[in-house]
Amino acid sequence: MKYFGLMILCLLMSCFFHAETIHADEESKDRLALYKKTSVITDIPWEYLAAIDQYERQVHDDPEDGRITAIQVDPMFWNGTAGEIPAHLFPAGWGSDGNGDGKIQIENDEDLLWSLGNYIKSYGTTEEDIKIALWNYYKRDLTVQTIMNTAEVFKKFQTVQLTNRDFPLPKQANYSFRSTWGDARGFGGRRVHEGTDIFANYGVPVKSTTYGVIEMKGWNKFGGWRIGIRDIYNIYHYYAHLQNFAEDVKVGDIVQPGDVIGAVGASGYGPPGTSGKFPPHLHYGMYQDNGKNEWSFDPYPFLRKWERMAK
């Protein structure tokens, strides 16, 4: 099990760090140009097309040579049933020629985005219409929520090149942490520790490490006052045991690296109002979604990297 977890971590780090390295500018410009071109001819705002591709980049492998997007559609969606099933039971395929070369190619990015855009447009072009189209396409609530959130992030920052990161506590604060992911835990029953504990004084500001959307905010008897942020890489960032939340922070807010979301505390371990059973610290967890399941992975290597990057 430990070996399997190490393999997953290596794959995640490879994907995560690759997004911040070679030719990021050229790749991002090409992607953005394609999204905006398709948006003009399909009436679907570019940020939704970008968010779909961004989601599929985390579900599938990186785009093959010659490809700009990582979108992979079901052949049934693309081709339809070729008359094998009555049309009233299953519609014709959505695959069509998007670049005017007279070919309909399932691995051609312009054909793919054009066809997918037309499918979404068949439901309408409002935010709610697009949400319904995405649900009928993916049949999964978390996937739809992730894509809609990522679209909001892209819309706000008007780019897909969002690779900056930050450490969750100020560098000048007195803090300490070590790798604690996978350690045994006693409080709340027999289970493993799904994060890294960063020990610091009460009230030290807690910051967002990434671009994303606040997906959860509230109380949990184990995590106390906590916040969850879903980033553009299908990763859920979990901040627990907070002393309080930053003023006006709410579910649905778009955040960026460095935004203060709360303060270090020792809340949790019982009903609301209880605290102090352990020293004040931030529990920081990361959970990857692969389009089917979501699992915890070790945040420690990323925290160390972000600590070096932080000013």
Protein backbone atom coordinates (compact mmCIF):
# COMPACT_ATOMS: atom_id res chain seq x y z
CA MET A 1 0.00 0.00 0.00
CA LYS A 2 2.85 2.33 0.89
CA TYR A 3 4.56 1.53 -2.43
CA PHE A 4 1.33 2.27 -4.31
CA GLY A 5 1.02 5.59 -2.48
CA LEU A 6 4.60 6.50 -3.42
CA MET A 7 3.89 5.78 -7.08
CA ILE A 8 0.81 8.00 -7.02
CA LEU A 9 2.78 10.81 -5.35
CA CYS A 10 5.52 10.61 -7.98
CA LEU A 11 2.94 10.84 -10.77
CA LEU A 12 1.23 13.81 -9.11
CA MET A 13 4.49 15.67 -8.58
CA SER A 14 5.46 15.04 -12.19
CA CYS A 15 2.15 16.47 -13.45
CA PHE A 16 2.14 19.33 -10.95
CA PHE A 17 5.70 20.46 -11.61
CA HIS A 18 5.43 19.96 -15.38
CA ALA A 19 2.68 22.59 -15.43
CA GLU A 20 5.18 25.15 -14.10
CA THR A 21 8.15 24.53 -16.38
CA ILE A 22 9.01 24.21 -20.05
CA HIS A 23 7.33 26.38 -22.70
CA ALA A 24 4.45 27.37 -20.40
CA ASP A 25 4.04 30.74 -22.17
CA GLU A 26 3.83 29.34 -25.70
CA GLU A 27 1.55 26.48 -24.68
CA SER A 28 -0.79 28.78 -22.76
CA LYS A 29 -0.97 31.26 -25.63
CA ASP A 30 -1.83 28.51 -28.12
CA ARG A 31 -4.49 27.09 -25.82
CA LEU A 32 -6.06 30.47 -25.13
CA ALA A 33 -6.10 31.35 -28.83
CA LEU A 34 -7.92 28.10 -29.66
CA TYR A 35 -10.46 28.54 -26.85
CA LYS A 36 -11.24 32.10 -27.93
CA LYS A 37 -11.49 31.19 -31.60
CA THR A 38 -13.95 28.39 -30.79
CA SER A 39 -15.89 30.68 -28.47
CA VAL A 40 -16.53 33.15 -31.30
CA ILE A 41 -18.03 30.49 -33.57
CA THR A 42 -19.98 28.54 -30.93
CA ASP A 43 -21.14 31.36 -28.58
CA ILE A 44 -19.83 29.39 -25.59
CA PRO A 45 -17.63 31.64 -23.40
CA TRP A 46 -13.99 30.64 -23.78
CA GLU A 47 -13.49 30.08 -20.06
CA TYR A 48 -15.88 27.09 -20.10
CA LEU A 49 -14.05 25.47 -23.00
CA ALA A 50 -10.77 26.12 -21.19
CA ALA A 51 -12.13 24.67 -17.95
CA ILE A 52 -13.29 21.48 -19.70
CA ASP A 53 -9.84 21.01 -21.21
CA GLN A 54 -8.17 21.81 -17.86
CA TYR A 55 -10.31 19.20 -16.13
CA GLU A 56 -9.50 16.56 -18.74
CA ARG A 57 -5.79 17.34 -18.46
CA GLN A 58 -5.94 15.99 -14.91
CA VAL A 59 -8.07 12.95 -15.84
CA HIS A 60 -6.10 11.87 -18.92
CA ASP A 61 -2.44 11.92 -19.84
CA ASP A 62 -0.83 15.08 -21.21
CA PRO A 63 -1.85 15.94 -24.80
CA GLU A 64 -0.12 13.86 -27.43
CA ASP A 65 2.40 15.47 -29.78
CA GLY A 66 0.58 17.72 -32.20
CA ARG A 67 -2.37 18.20 -29.85
CA ILE A 68 -3.21 21.37 -27.91
CA THR A 69 -6.04 20.02 -25.75
CA ALA A 70 -6.30 16.85 -23.69
CA ILE A 71 -10.01 16.37 -24.40
CA GLN A 72 -11.01 12.78 -25.17
CA VAL A 73 -14.63 12.14 -26.11
CA ASP A 74 -16.52 8.87 -26.13
CA PRO A 75 -16.72 7.42 -29.68
CA MET A 76 -20.48 6.99 -29.12
CA PHE A 77 -20.76 10.75 -28.47
CA TRP A 78 -18.70 11.41 -31.58
CA ASN A 79 -20.14 8.91 -34.05
CA GLY A 80 -23.57 8.14 -32.68
CA THR A 81 -24.96 4.69 -33.28
CA ALA A 82 -24.55 4.47 -37.04
CA GLY A 83 -28.15 3.27 -37.28
CA GLU A 84 -27.63 0.36 -34.92
CA ILE A 85 -29.99 1.83 -32.30
CA PRO A 86 -33.22 3.68 -33.18
CA ALA A 87 -32.62 7.44 -33.32
CA HIS A 88 -35.36 8.15 -30.77
CA LEU A 89 -33.42 6.09 -28.22
CA PHE A 90 -30.00 7.56 -28.95
CA PRO A 91 -29.21 10.70 -30.99
CA ALA A 92 -26.77 10.94 -33.85
CA GLY A 93 -23.14 11.68 -33.01
CA TRP A 94 -21.91 15.23 -32.42
CA GLY A 95 -18.63 14.90 -34.27
CA SER A 96 -18.29 17.50 -37.03
CA ASP A 97 -15.71 19.41 -39.05
CA GLY A 98 -14.48 22.40 -37.05
CA ASN A 99 -11.55 23.58 -39.18
CA GLY A 100 -13.07 23.33 -42.65
CA ASP A 101 -10.69 20.69 -44.00
CA GLY A 102 -13.54 18.36 -44.96
CA LYS A 103 -12.55 15.78 -42.34
CA ILE A 104 -14.18 14.88 -39.02
CA GLN A 105 -11.36 13.76 -36.76
CA ILE A 106 -11.85 12.71 -33.15
CA GLU A 107 -8.28 13.73 -32.26
CA ASN A 108 -8.29 17.08 -34.03
CA ASP A 109 -8.51 19.87 -31.46
CA GLU A 110 -10.52 22.25 -33.64
CA ASP A 111 -13.00 19.53 -34.58
CA LEU A 112 -13.28 18.46 -30.92
CA LEU A 113 -13.89 21.92 -29.46
CA TRP A 114 -16.28 22.88 -32.25
CA SER A 115 -18.31 19.70 -31.74
CA LEU A 116 -18.30 19.97 -27.95
CA GLY A 117 -19.24 23.65 -28.16
CA ASN A 118 -22.19 22.85 -30.41
CA TYR A 119 -23.32 20.14 -28.01
CA ILE A 120 -23.28 22.58 -25.10
CA LYS A 121 -25.00 25.25 -27.17
CA SER A 122 -27.86 22.85 -27.89
CA TYR A 123 -28.83 23.36 -24.22
CA GLY A 124 -28.38 27.14 -24.33
CA THR A 125 -25.62 29.59 -23.50
CA THR A 126 -26.50 30.77 -19.98
CA GLU A 127 -24.50 29.58 -16.98
CA GLU A 128 -27.34 27.29 -15.93
CA ASP A 129 -27.69 25.90 -19.47
CA ILE A 130 -23.99 25.11 -19.60
CA LYS A 131 -24.17 23.45 -16.18
CA ILE A 132 -27.01 21.19 -17.37
CA ALA A 133 -25.11 20.32 -20.56
CA LEU A 134 -22.02 19.40 -18.56
CA TRP A 135 -24.02 17.19 -16.23
CA ASN A 136 -25.61 15.34 -19.14
CA TYR A 137 -22.18 14.91 -20.70
CA TYR A 138 -20.21 13.80 -17.60
CA LYS A 139 -23.03 12.49 -15.36
CA ARG A 140 -21.09 13.49 -12.22
CA ASP A 141 -21.80 16.37 -9.84
CA LEU A 142 -18.21 16.90 -8.65
CA THR A 143 -16.97 17.07 -12.23
CA VAL A 144 -19.53 19.72 -13.13
CA GLN A 145 -18.75 21.70 -9.98
CA THR A 146 -15.01 21.56 -10.68
CA ILE A 147 -15.40 22.73 -14.28
CA MET A 148 -17.77 25.56 -13.32
CA ASN A 149 -15.39 26.72 -10.58
CA THR A 150 -12.35 26.57 -12.85
CA ALA A 151 -14.23 28.60 -15.47
CA GLU A 152 -14.84 31.31 -12.86
CA VAL A 153 -11.13 31.39 -12.03
CA PHE A 154 -10.14 31.69 -15.70
CA LYS A 155 -12.76 34.40 -16.22
CA LYS A 156 -11.45 36.48 -13.32
CA PHE A 157 -7.78 36.27 -14.24
CA GLN A 158 -8.26 36.14 -18.04
CA THR A 159 -5.54 33.55 -18.52
CA VAL A 160 -4.93 29.80 -18.21
CA GLN A 161 -1.34 30.26 -17.06
CA LEU A 162 -1.90 30.29 -13.31
CA THR A 163 1.17 28.54 -11.90
CA ASN A 164 2.12 30.72 -8.92
CA ARG A 165 1.92 29.14 -5.46
CA ASP A 166 2.40 30.33 -1.89
CA PHE A 167 3.17 28.81 1.49
CA PRO A 168 0.09 28.72 3.76
CA LEU A 169 1.76 30.69 6.58
CA PRO A 170 3.87 33.87 6.44
CA LYS A 171 7.58 33.09 6.11
CA GLN A 172 8.36 35.46 9.01
CA ALA A 173 6.06 33.54 11.39
CA ASN A 174 7.46 31.15 13.97
CA TYR A 175 6.33 27.77 12.63
CA SER A 176 7.53 24.20 12.24
CA PHE A 177 6.37 21.11 10.36
CA ARG A 178 7.50 17.68 9.28
CA SER A 179 6.03 14.87 7.18
CA THR A 180 3.08 13.43 9.12
CA TRP A 181 0.89 12.14 6.28
CA GLY A 182 -0.10 8.52 6.86
CA ASP A 183 0.70 8.52 10.58
CA ALA A 184 -1.72 6.75 12.90
CA ARG A 185 -4.30 8.90 14.67
CA GLY A 186 -6.16 8.17 17.88
CA PHE A 187 -8.73 10.96 18.15
CA GLY A 188 -11.97 10.15 16.30
CA GLY A 189 -11.25 6.44 15.97
CA ARG A 190 -8.53 4.42 14.28
CA ARG A 191 -7.52 6.19 11.06
CA VAL A 192 -4.52 7.64 9.28
CA HIS A 193 -3.43 11.27 9.19
CA GLU A 194 -4.43 12.73 5.82
CA GLY A 195 -2.29 15.85 5.85
CA THR A 196 0.63 17.78 7.28
CA ASP A 197 0.43 19.65 10.58
CA ILE A 198 2.15 23.06 10.62
CA PHE A 199 2.61 24.23 14.21
CA ALA A 200 2.45 27.97 14.86
CA ASN A 201 1.05 30.46 17.37
CA TYR A 202 -2.61 31.31 17.71
CA GLY A 203 -3.75 33.95 15.24
CA VAL A 204 -0.99 33.51 12.63
CA PRO A 205 -2.59 34.28 9.24
CA VAL A 206 -3.44 31.29 7.03
CA LYS A 207 -3.20 31.87 3.28
CA SER A 208 -4.44 30.20 0.14
CA THR A 209 -1.61 28.32 -1.54
CA THR A 210 -3.25 28.27 -4.95
CA TYR A 211 -5.78 29.69 -7.39
CA GLY A 212 -9.21 28.21 -6.82
CA VAL A 213 -12.69 28.54 -5.40
CA ILE A 214 -13.75 28.16 -1.78
CA GLU A 215 -15.93 25.08 -1.86
CA MET A 216 -16.53 24.52 1.85
CA LYS A 217 -16.47 26.60 5.02
CA GLY A 218 -17.74 25.62 8.46
CA TRP A 219 -17.40 23.42 11.51
CA ASN A 220 -16.47 19.76 11.87
CA LYS A 221 -15.98 18.01 15.21
CA PHE A 222 -12.64 16.64 14.03
CA GLY A 223 -11.35 19.56 11.95
CA GLY A 224 -13.00 22.41 13.88
CA TRP A 225 -13.33 25.59 11.85
CA ARG A 226 -12.15 24.64 8.40
CA ILE A 227 -12.08 25.74 4.78
CA GLY A 228 -11.82 23.72 1.56
CA ILE A 229 -10.52 25.16 -1.72
CA ARG A 230 -10.80 23.38 -5.08
CA ASP A 231 -8.01 24.43 -7.46
CA ILE A 232 -7.76 24.28 -11.26
CA TYR A 233 -5.88 20.96 -11.11
CA ASN A 234 -8.83 19.00 -9.64
CA ILE A 235 -7.11 19.16 -6.24
CA TYR A 236 -8.99 19.93 -3.03
CA HIS A 237 -6.97 21.85 -0.41
CA TYR A 238 -8.17 21.38 3.17
CA TYR A 239 -7.33 23.82 6.00
CA ALA A 240 -8.42 22.71 9.49
CA HIS A 241 -8.32 23.68 13.20
CA LEU A 242 -8.60 27.41 12.38
CA GLN A 243 -9.08 29.94 15.15
CA ASN A 244 -11.34 31.99 12.90
CA PHE A 245 -12.06 32.85 9.28
CA ALA A 246 -10.91 35.97 7.48
CA GLU A 247 -13.58 38.66 7.33
CA ASP A 248 -16.11 38.28 4.51
CA VAL A 249 -14.66 34.95 3.27
CA LYS A 250 -17.50 32.81 1.94
CA VAL A 251 -18.22 29.74 -0.14
CA GLY A 252 -17.92 30.56 -3.84
CA ASP A 253 -15.16 33.15 -3.42
CA ILE A 254 -12.33 33.02 -5.94
CA VAL A 255 -8.92 33.06 -4.27
CA GLN A 256 -5.33 33.33 -5.40
CA PRO A 257 -2.00 32.46 -3.75
CA GLY A 258 -1.43 34.68 -0.73
CA ASP A 259 -5.07 35.54 0.00
CA VAL A 260 -5.68 35.33 3.76
CA ILE A 261 -8.54 32.96 4.55
CA GLY A 262 -8.24 32.48 8.32
CA ALA A 263 -5.91 32.14 11.30
CA VAL A 264 -4.08 29.30 13.06
CA GLY A 265 -5.97 27.82 16.01
CA ALA A 266 -6.75 24.61 17.84
CA SER A 267 -10.46 24.25 17.14
CA GLY A 268 -12.21 20.92 16.79
CA TYR A 269 -11.90 17.70 18.75
CA GLY A 270 -15.53 17.97 19.86
CA PRO A 271 -18.62 20.21 19.64
CA PRO A 272 -18.36 23.86 18.52
CA GLY A 273 -16.61 25.95 21.14
CA THR A 274 -14.11 23.31 22.21
CA SER A 275 -10.41 23.83 21.59
CA GLY A 276 -6.99 23.58 23.17
CA LYS A 277 -6.72 19.79 23.38
CA PHE A 278 -3.64 20.02 21.16
CA PRO A 279 -1.14 22.83 20.46
CA PRO A 280 -2.29 25.38 17.87
CA HIS A 281 -1.53 24.27 14.34
CA LEU A 282 -2.80 24.24 10.78
CA HIS A 283 -3.78 20.86 9.39
CA TYR A 284 -3.18 21.08 5.64
CA GLY A 285 -4.50 18.30 3.40
CA MET A 286 -4.58 17.71 -0.36
CA TYR A 287 -6.99 15.43 -2.23
CA GLN A 288 -6.77 14.52 -5.90
CA ASP A 289 -9.83 13.82 -8.05
CA ASN A 290 -9.36 11.66 -11.13
CA GLY A 291 -12.89 11.91 -12.50
CA LYS A 292 -14.07 8.80 -10.66
CA ASN A 293 -12.60 8.88 -7.15
CA GLU A 294 -10.95 11.33 -4.80
CA TRP A 295 -8.05 10.37 -2.53
CA SER A 296 -5.61 11.96 -0.09
CA PHE A 297 -1.94 12.33 -0.96
CA ASP A 298 1.07 13.68 0.90
CA PRO A 299 1.25 17.50 0.82
CA TYR A 300 4.66 17.66 2.51
CA PRO A 301 6.84 17.78 -0.68
CA PHE A 302 4.66 20.52 -2.12
CA LEU A 303 4.74 22.55 1.10
CA ARG A 304 8.53 22.39 1.12
CA LYS A 305 8.65 23.54 -2.51
CA TRP A 306 6.18 26.37 -1.88
CA GLU A 307 8.10 27.39 1.23
CA ARG A 308 11.21 27.91 -0.93
CA MET A 309 9.18 29.86 -3.51
CA ALA A 310 7.53 32.17 -0.95
CA LYS A 311 8.95 35.63 -0.28
